[in-house]
Amino acid sequence: MGRTVYINGKPYVVPVHVTGEDLRRIADVPGERQLVHIRPEGNVIVPKGHAMTVDEGEQFIDLPQGVFGWE
């Protein structure tokens, strides 16, 4: 069973266990951009090969290289 996560504000149902590359592919994130996991304790860059377990409603965005957040 999958979980709904949000990438750039759009909902995607993904497997519970995914990699950064899986999320990038599902959301069609361009290769030159970085995927960032938005967390209450701070934003975290998700490397392509990083394996993770996602929870319902988690948020991700893609940003240009070298940018870690927004105002």
PDB file of N, CA and C in Angstrom:
ATOM      1  N   MET A   1       0.842  -1.187   0.000  1.00  0.00           N
ATOM      2  CA  MET A   1       0.000   0.000   0.000  1.00  0.00           C
ATOM      3  C   MET A   1       0.879   1.240   0.000  1.00  0.00           C
ATOM      4  N   GLY A   2       0.486   2.248  -0.744  1.00  0.00           N
ATOM      5  CA  GLY A   2       1.281   3.447  -0.871  1.00  0.00           C
ATOM      6  C   GLY A   2       0.881   4.535   0.107  1.00  0.00           C
ATOM      7  N   ARG A   3       1.667   5.586   0.074  1.00  0.00           N
ATOM      8  CA  ARG A   3       1.410   6.763   0.900  1.00  0.00           C
ATOM      9  C   ARG A   3       1.395   7.982  -0.010  1.00  0.00           C
ATOM     10  N   THR A   4       0.584   8.956   0.336  1.00  0.00           N
ATOM     11  CA  THR A   4       0.542  10.188  -0.438  1.00  0.00           C
ATOM     12  C   THR A   4       1.580  11.158   0.107  1.00  0.00           C
ATOM     13  N   VAL A   5       2.475  11.584  -0.765  1.00  0.00           N
ATOM     14  CA  VAL A   5       3.449  12.630  -0.443  1.00  0.00           C
ATOM     15  C   VAL A   5       3.219  13.773  -1.419  1.00  0.00           C
ATOM     16  N   TYR A   6       3.759  14.933  -1.097  1.00  0.00           N
ATOM     17  CA  TYR A   6       3.598  16.107  -1.943  1.00  0.00           C
ATOM     18  C   TYR A   6       4.961  16.547  -2.449  1.00  0.00           C
ATOM     19  N   ILE A   7       5.072  16.648  -3.752  1.00  0.00           N
ATOM     20  CA  ILE A   7       6.312  17.098  -4.381  1.00  0.00           C
ATOM     21  C   ILE A   7       5.956  18.325  -5.202  1.00  0.00           C
ATOM     22  N   ASN A   8       6.538  19.453  -4.829  1.00  0.00           N
ATOM     23  CA  ASN A   8       6.204  20.733  -5.459  1.00  0.00           C
ATOM     24  C   ASN A   8       4.706  21.020  -5.363  1.00  0.00           C
ATOM     25  N   GLY A   9       4.109  20.629  -4.235  1.00  0.00           N
ATOM     26  CA  GLY A   9       2.712  20.914  -3.979  1.00  0.00           C
ATOM     27  C   GLY A   9       1.717  19.963  -4.622  1.00  0.00           C
ATOM     28  N   LYS A  10       2.199  19.016  -5.423  1.00  0.00           N
ATOM     29  CA  LYS A  10       1.304  18.066  -6.087  1.00  0.00           C
ATOM     30  C   LYS A  10       1.333  16.732  -5.355  1.00  0.00           C
ATOM     31  N   PRO A  11       0.156  16.101  -5.174  1.00  0.00           N
ATOM     32  CA  PRO A  11       0.124  14.809  -4.474  1.00  0.00           C
ATOM     33  C   PRO A  11       0.534  13.659  -5.398  1.00  0.00           C
ATOM     34  N   TYR A  12       1.307  12.739  -4.824  1.00  0.00           N
ATOM     35  CA  TYR A  12       1.723  11.511  -5.520  1.00  0.00           C
ATOM     36  C   TYR A  12       1.586  10.363  -4.542  1.00  0.00           C
ATOM     37  N   VAL A  13       1.034   9.253  -4.988  1.00  0.00           N
ATOM     38  CA  VAL A  13       0.991   8.050  -4.166  1.00  0.00           C
ATOM     39  C   VAL A  13       2.241   7.251  -4.500  1.00  0.00           C
ATOM     40  N   VAL A  14       3.053   7.001  -3.482  1.00  0.00           N
ATOM     41  CA  VAL A  14       4.347   6.339  -3.667  1.00  0.00           C
ATOM     42  C   VAL A  14       4.436   5.143  -2.722  1.00  0.00           C
ATOM     43  N   PRO A  15       5.337   4.205  -3.024  1.00  0.00           N
ATOM     44  CA  PRO A  15       5.553   3.101  -2.080  1.00  0.00           C
ATOM     45  C   PRO A  15       6.084   3.627  -0.744  1.00  0.00           C
ATOM     46  N   VAL A  16       5.889   2.874   0.306  1.00  0.00           N
ATOM     47  CA  VAL A  16       6.376   3.265   1.630  1.00  0.00           C
ATOM     48  C   VAL A  16       7.900   3.384   1.627  1.00  0.00           C
ATOM     49  N   HIS A  17       8.576   2.485   0.933  1.00  0.00           N
ATOM     50  CA  HIS A  17      10.042   2.497   0.858  1.00  0.00           C
ATOM     51  C   HIS A  17      10.438   2.952  -0.539  1.00  0.00           C
ATOM     52  N   VAL A  18      11.114   4.094  -0.621  1.00  0.00           N
ATOM     53  CA  VAL A  18      11.514   4.674  -1.911  1.00  0.00           C
ATOM     54  C   VAL A  18      12.943   5.197  -1.816  1.00  0.00           C
ATOM     55  N   THR A  19      13.492   5.534  -2.966  1.00  0.00           N
ATOM     56  CA  THR A  19      14.787   6.220  -3.013  1.00  0.00           C
ATOM     57  C   THR A  19      14.553   7.636  -3.524  1.00  0.00           C
ATOM     58  N   GLY A  20      15.558   8.460  -3.376  1.00  0.00           N
ATOM     59  CA  GLY A  20      15.477   9.798  -3.938  1.00  0.00           C
ATOM     60  C   GLY A  20      15.243   9.742  -5.433  1.00  0.00           C
ATOM     61  N   GLU A  21      15.866   8.794  -6.104  1.00  0.00           N
ATOM     62  CA  GLU A  21      15.685   8.643  -7.549  1.00  0.00           C
ATOM     63  C   GLU A  21      14.243   8.262  -7.882  1.00  0.00           C
ATOM     64  N   ASP A  22      13.623   7.405  -7.070  1.00  0.00           N
ATOM     65  CA  ASP A  22      12.217   7.046  -7.282  1.00  0.00           C
ATOM     66  C   ASP A  22      11.339   8.293  -7.238  1.00  0.00           C
ATOM     67  N   LEU A  23      11.520   9.110  -6.207  1.00  0.00           N
ATOM     68  CA  LEU A  23      10.712  10.320  -6.061  1.00  0.00           C
ATOM     69  C   LEU A  23      10.943  11.281  -7.225  1.00  0.00           C
ATOM     70  N   ARG A  24      12.203  11.437  -7.636  1.00  0.00           N
ATOM     71  CA  ARG A  24      12.531  12.317  -8.762  1.00  0.00           C
ATOM     72  C   ARG A  24      11.830  11.835 -10.034  1.00  0.00           C
ATOM     73  N   ARG A  25      11.853  10.544 -10.262  1.00  0.00           N
ATOM     74  CA  ARG A  25      11.246   9.981 -11.472  1.00  0.00           C
ATOM     75  C   ARG A  25       9.726  10.155 -11.449  1.00  0.00           C
ATOM     76  N   ILE A  26       9.106   9.853 -10.315  1.00  0.00           N
ATOM     77  CA  ILE A  26       7.652   9.962 -10.180  1.00  0.00           C
ATOM     78  C   ILE A  26       7.181  11.393 -10.443  1.00  0.00           C
ATOM     79  N   ALA A  27       7.923  12.377  -9.942  1.00  0.00           N
ATOM     80  CA  ALA A  27       7.521  13.783 -10.076  1.00  0.00           C
ATOM     81  C   ALA A  27       8.180  14.478 -11.267  1.00  0.00           C
ATOM     82  N   ASP A  28       8.968  13.735 -12.054  1.00  0.00           N
ATOM     83  CA  ASP A  28       9.634  14.293 -13.229  1.00  0.00           C
ATOM     84  C   ASP A  28      10.522  15.489 -12.876  1.00  0.00           C
ATOM     85  N   VAL A  29      11.344  15.323 -11.828  1.00  0.00           N
ATOM     86  CA  VAL A  29      12.272  16.368 -11.402  1.00  0.00           C
ATOM     87  C   VAL A  29      13.487  16.339 -12.319  1.00  0.00           C
ATOM     88  N   PRO A  30      13.827  17.461 -12.950  1.00  0.00           N
ATOM     89  CA  PRO A  30      14.984  17.500 -13.846  1.00  0.00           C
ATOM     90  C   PRO A  30      16.285  17.132 -13.115  1.00  0.00           C
ATOM     91  N   GLY A  31      17.183  16.481 -13.827  1.00  0.00           N
ATOM     92  CA  GLY A  31      18.429  15.993 -13.245  1.00  0.00           C
ATOM     93  C   GLY A  31      19.328  17.044 -12.639  1.00  0.00           C
ATOM     94  N   GLU A  32      19.274  18.275 -13.148  1.00  0.00           N
ATOM     95  CA  GLU A  32      20.158  19.331 -12.645  1.00  0.00           C
ATOM     96  C   GLU A  32      19.631  19.978 -11.362  1.00  0.00           C
ATOM     97  N   ARG A  33      18.425  19.604 -10.942  1.00  0.00           N
ATOM     98  CA  ARG A  33      17.840  20.182  -9.732  1.00  0.00           C
ATOM     99  C   ARG A  33      17.987  19.198  -8.570  1.00  0.00           C
ATOM    100  N   GLN A  34      17.925  19.717  -7.346  1.00  0.00           N
ATOM    101  CA  GLN A  34      18.035  18.856  -6.174  1.00  0.00           C
ATOM    102  C   GLN A  34      16.661  18.682  -5.535  1.00  0.00           C
ATOM    103  N   LEU A  35      16.431  17.512  -4.972  1.00  0.00           N
ATOM    104  CA  LEU A  35      15.191  17.225  -4.272  1.00  0.00           C
ATOM    105  C   LEU A  35      15.417  17.500  -2.791  1.00  0.00           C
ATOM    106  N   VAL A  36      14.516  18.252  -2.192  1.00  0.00           N
ATOM    107  CA  VAL A  36      14.658  18.649  -0.794  1.00  0.00           C
ATOM    108  C   VAL A  36      13.438  18.178  -0.010  1.00  0.00           C
ATOM    109  N   HIS A  37      13.692  17.523   1.112  1.00  0.00           N
ATOM    110  CA  HIS A  37      12.644  17.047   2.022  1.00  0.00           C
ATOM    111  C   HIS A  37      12.376  18.176   3.010  1.00  0.00           C
ATOM    112  N   ILE A  38      11.150  18.660   3.052  1.00  0.00           N
ATOM    113  CA  ILE A  38      10.773  19.744   3.956  1.00  0.00           C
ATOM    114  C   ILE A  38      10.364  19.126   5.284  1.00  0.00           C
ATOM    115  N   ARG A  39      11.147  19.448   6.321  1.00  0.00           N
ATOM    116  CA  ARG A  39      10.900  18.864   7.640  1.00  0.00           C
ATOM    117  C   ARG A  39      10.848  19.975   8.674  1.00  0.00           C
ATOM    118  N   PRO A  40      10.092  19.796   9.766  1.00  0.00           N
ATOM    119  CA  PRO A  40      10.003  20.839  10.795  1.00  0.00           C
ATOM    120  C   PRO A  40      11.363  21.232  11.375  1.00  0.00           C
ATOM    121  N   GLU A  41      12.263  20.255  11.479  1.00  0.00           N
ATOM    122  CA  GLU A  41      13.577  20.539  12.062  1.00  0.00           C
ATOM    123  C   GLU A  41      14.572  21.092  11.054  1.00  0.00           C
ATOM    124  N   GLY A  42      14.150  21.234   9.805  1.00  0.00           N
ATOM    125  CA  GLY A  42      15.015  21.816   8.769  1.00  0.00           C
ATOM    126  C   GLY A  42      14.944  21.028   7.476  1.00  0.00           C
ATOM    127  N   ASN A  43      15.208  21.713   6.399  1.00  0.00           N
ATOM    128  CA  ASN A  43      15.177  21.090   5.078  1.00  0.00           C
ATOM    129  C   ASN A  43      16.376  20.167   4.899  1.00  0.00           C
ATOM    130  N   VAL A  44      16.159  19.035   4.207  1.00  0.00           N
ATOM    131  CA  VAL A  44      17.217  18.050   4.008  1.00  0.00           C
ATOM    132  C   VAL A  44      17.267  17.681   2.530  1.00  0.00           C
ATOM    133  N   ILE A  45      18.454  17.784   1.928  1.00  0.00           N
ATOM    134  CA  ILE A  45      18.629  17.360   0.541  1.00  0.00           C
ATOM    135  C   ILE A  45      18.539  15.838   0.488  1.00  0.00           C
ATOM    136  N   VAL A  46      17.789  15.321  -0.486  1.00  0.00           N
ATOM    137  CA  VAL A  46      17.617  13.876  -0.647  1.00  0.00           C
ATOM    138  C   VAL A  46      18.491  13.419  -1.813  1.00  0.00           C
ATOM    139  N   PRO A  47      19.622  12.754  -1.540  1.00  0.00           N
ATOM    140  CA  PRO A  47      20.455  12.241  -2.624  1.00  0.00           C
ATOM    141  C   PRO A  47      19.697  11.212  -3.463  1.00  0.00           C
ATOM    142  N   LYS A  48      20.058  11.086  -4.722  1.00  0.00           N
ATOM    143  CA  LYS A  48      19.358  10.179  -5.634  1.00  0.00           C
ATOM    144  C   LYS A  48      19.313   8.749  -5.106  1.00  0.00           C
ATOM    145  N   GLY A  49      20.411   8.244  -4.557  1.00  0.00           N
ATOM    146  CA  GLY A  49      20.471   6.859  -4.107  1.00  0.00           C
ATOM    147  C   GLY A  49      20.007   6.633  -2.682  1.00  0.00           C
ATOM    148  N   HIS A  50      19.571   7.683  -2.005  1.00  0.00           N
ATOM    149  CA  HIS A  50      19.169   7.579  -0.598  1.00  0.00           C
ATOM    150  C   HIS A  50      17.859   6.807  -0.464  1.00  0.00           C
ATOM    151  N   ALA A  51      17.880   5.707   0.284  1.00  0.00           N
ATOM    152  CA  ALA A  51      16.672   4.921   0.555  1.00  0.00           C
ATOM    153  C   ALA A  51      15.994   5.478   1.799  1.00  0.00           C
ATOM    154  N   MET A  52      14.669   5.588   1.733  1.00  0.00           N
ATOM    155  CA  MET A  52      13.950   6.155   2.863  1.00  0.00           C
ATOM    156  C   MET A  52      12.563   5.544   2.982  1.00  0.00           C
ATOM    157  N   THR A  53      11.994   5.682   4.162  1.00  0.00           N
ATOM    158  CA  THR A  53      10.614   5.313   4.420  1.00  0.00           C
ATOM    159  C   THR A  53       9.829   6.610   4.538  1.00  0.00           C
ATOM    160  N   VAL A  54       8.757   6.747   3.765  1.00  0.00           N
ATOM    161  CA  VAL A  54       7.991   7.988   3.798  1.00  0.00           C
ATOM    162  C   VAL A  54       6.716   7.806   4.612  1.00  0.00           C
ATOM    163  N   ASP A  55       6.304   8.889   5.234  1.00  0.00           N
ATOM    164  CA  ASP A  55       5.056   8.922   5.980  1.00  0.00           C
ATOM    165  C   ASP A  55       4.010   9.682   5.172  1.00  0.00           C
ATOM    166  N   GLU A  56       2.776   9.415   5.449  1.00  0.00           N
ATOM    167  CA  GLU A  56       1.667  10.090   4.787  1.00  0.00           C
ATOM    168  C   GLU A  56       1.810  11.616   4.929  1.00  0.00           C
ATOM    169  N   GLY A  57       1.679  12.327   3.813  1.00  0.00           N
ATOM    170  CA  GLY A  57       1.661  13.784   3.831  1.00  0.00           C
ATOM    171  C   GLY A  57       3.013  14.474   3.819  1.00  0.00           C
ATOM    172  N   GLU A  58       4.106  13.706   3.743  1.00  0.00           N
ATOM    173  CA  GLU A  58       5.416  14.363   3.736  1.00  0.00           C
ATOM    174  C   GLU A  58       5.560  15.247   2.509  1.00  0.00           C
ATOM    175  N   GLN A  59       6.369  16.301   2.664  1.00  0.00           N
ATOM    176  CA  GLN A  59       6.509  17.322   1.628  1.00  0.00           C
ATOM    177  C   GLN A  59       7.935  17.363   1.088  1.00  0.00           C
ATOM    178  N   PHE A  60       8.029  17.507  -0.231  1.00  0.00           N
ATOM    179  CA  PHE A  60       9.307  17.628  -0.927  1.00  0.00           C
ATOM    180  C   PHE A  60       9.174  18.742  -1.963  1.00  0.00           C
ATOM    181  N   ILE A  61      10.289  19.372  -2.274  1.00  0.00           N
ATOM    182  CA  ILE A  61      10.324  20.343  -3.369  1.00  0.00           C
ATOM    183  C   ILE A  61      11.608  20.118  -4.151  1.00  0.00           C
ATOM    184  N   ASP A  62      11.614  20.583  -5.393  1.00  0.00           N
ATOM    185  CA  ASP A  62      12.884  20.573  -6.120  1.00  0.00           C
ATOM    186  C   ASP A  62      13.341  22.011  -6.255  1.00  0.00           C
ATOM    187  N   LEU A  63      14.645  22.200  -6.107  1.00  0.00           N
ATOM    188  CA  LEU A  63      15.253  23.525  -6.130  1.00  0.00           C
ATOM    189  C   LEU A  63      16.529  23.484  -6.966  1.00  0.00           C
ATOM    190  N   PRO A  64      16.963  24.658  -7.454  1.00  0.00           N
ATOM    191  CA  PRO A  64      18.255  24.702  -8.156  1.00  0.00           C
ATOM    192  C   PRO A  64      19.380  24.287  -7.200  1.00  0.00           C
ATOM    193  N   GLN A  65      20.456  23.774  -7.757  1.00  0.00           N
ATOM    194  CA  GLN A  65      21.621  23.397  -6.951  1.00  0.00           C
ATOM    195  C   GLN A  65      22.064  24.582  -6.089  1.00  0.00           C
ATOM    196  N   GLY A  66      22.390  24.317  -4.821  1.00  0.00           N
ATOM    197  CA  GLY A  66      22.908  25.342  -3.927  1.00  0.00           C
ATOM    198  C   GLY A  66      21.851  26.126  -3.170  1.00  0.00           C
ATOM    199  N   VAL A  67      20.567  25.881  -3.420  1.00  0.00           N
ATOM    200  CA  VAL A  67      19.480  26.547  -2.714  1.00  0.00           C
ATOM    201  C   VAL A  67      18.862  25.536  -1.763  1.00  0.00           C
ATOM    202  N   PHE A  68      18.663  25.934  -0.492  1.00  0.00           N
ATOM    203  CA  PHE A  68      18.177  24.982   0.512  1.00  0.00           C
ATOM    204  C   PHE A  68      16.812  25.331   1.083  1.00  0.00           C
ATOM    205  N   GLY A  69      16.218  26.418   0.675  1.00  0.00           N
ATOM    206  CA  GLY A  69      14.920  26.815   1.190  1.00  0.00           C
ATOM    207  C   GLY A  69      14.399  28.011   0.432  1.00  0.00           C
ATOM    208  N   TRP A  70      13.378  28.615   0.925  1.00  0.00           N
ATOM    209  CA  TRP A  70      12.774  29.756   0.263  1.00  0.00           C
ATOM    210  C   TRP A  70      12.160  30.658   1.313  1.00  0.00           C
ATOM    211  N   GLU A  71      11.808  31.864   0.905  1.00  0.00           N
ATOM    212  CA  GLU A  71      11.150  32.802   1.820  1.00  0.00           C
ATOM    213  C   GLU A  71       9.735  33.033   1.381  1.00  0.00           C
TER     214      GLU A  71
END
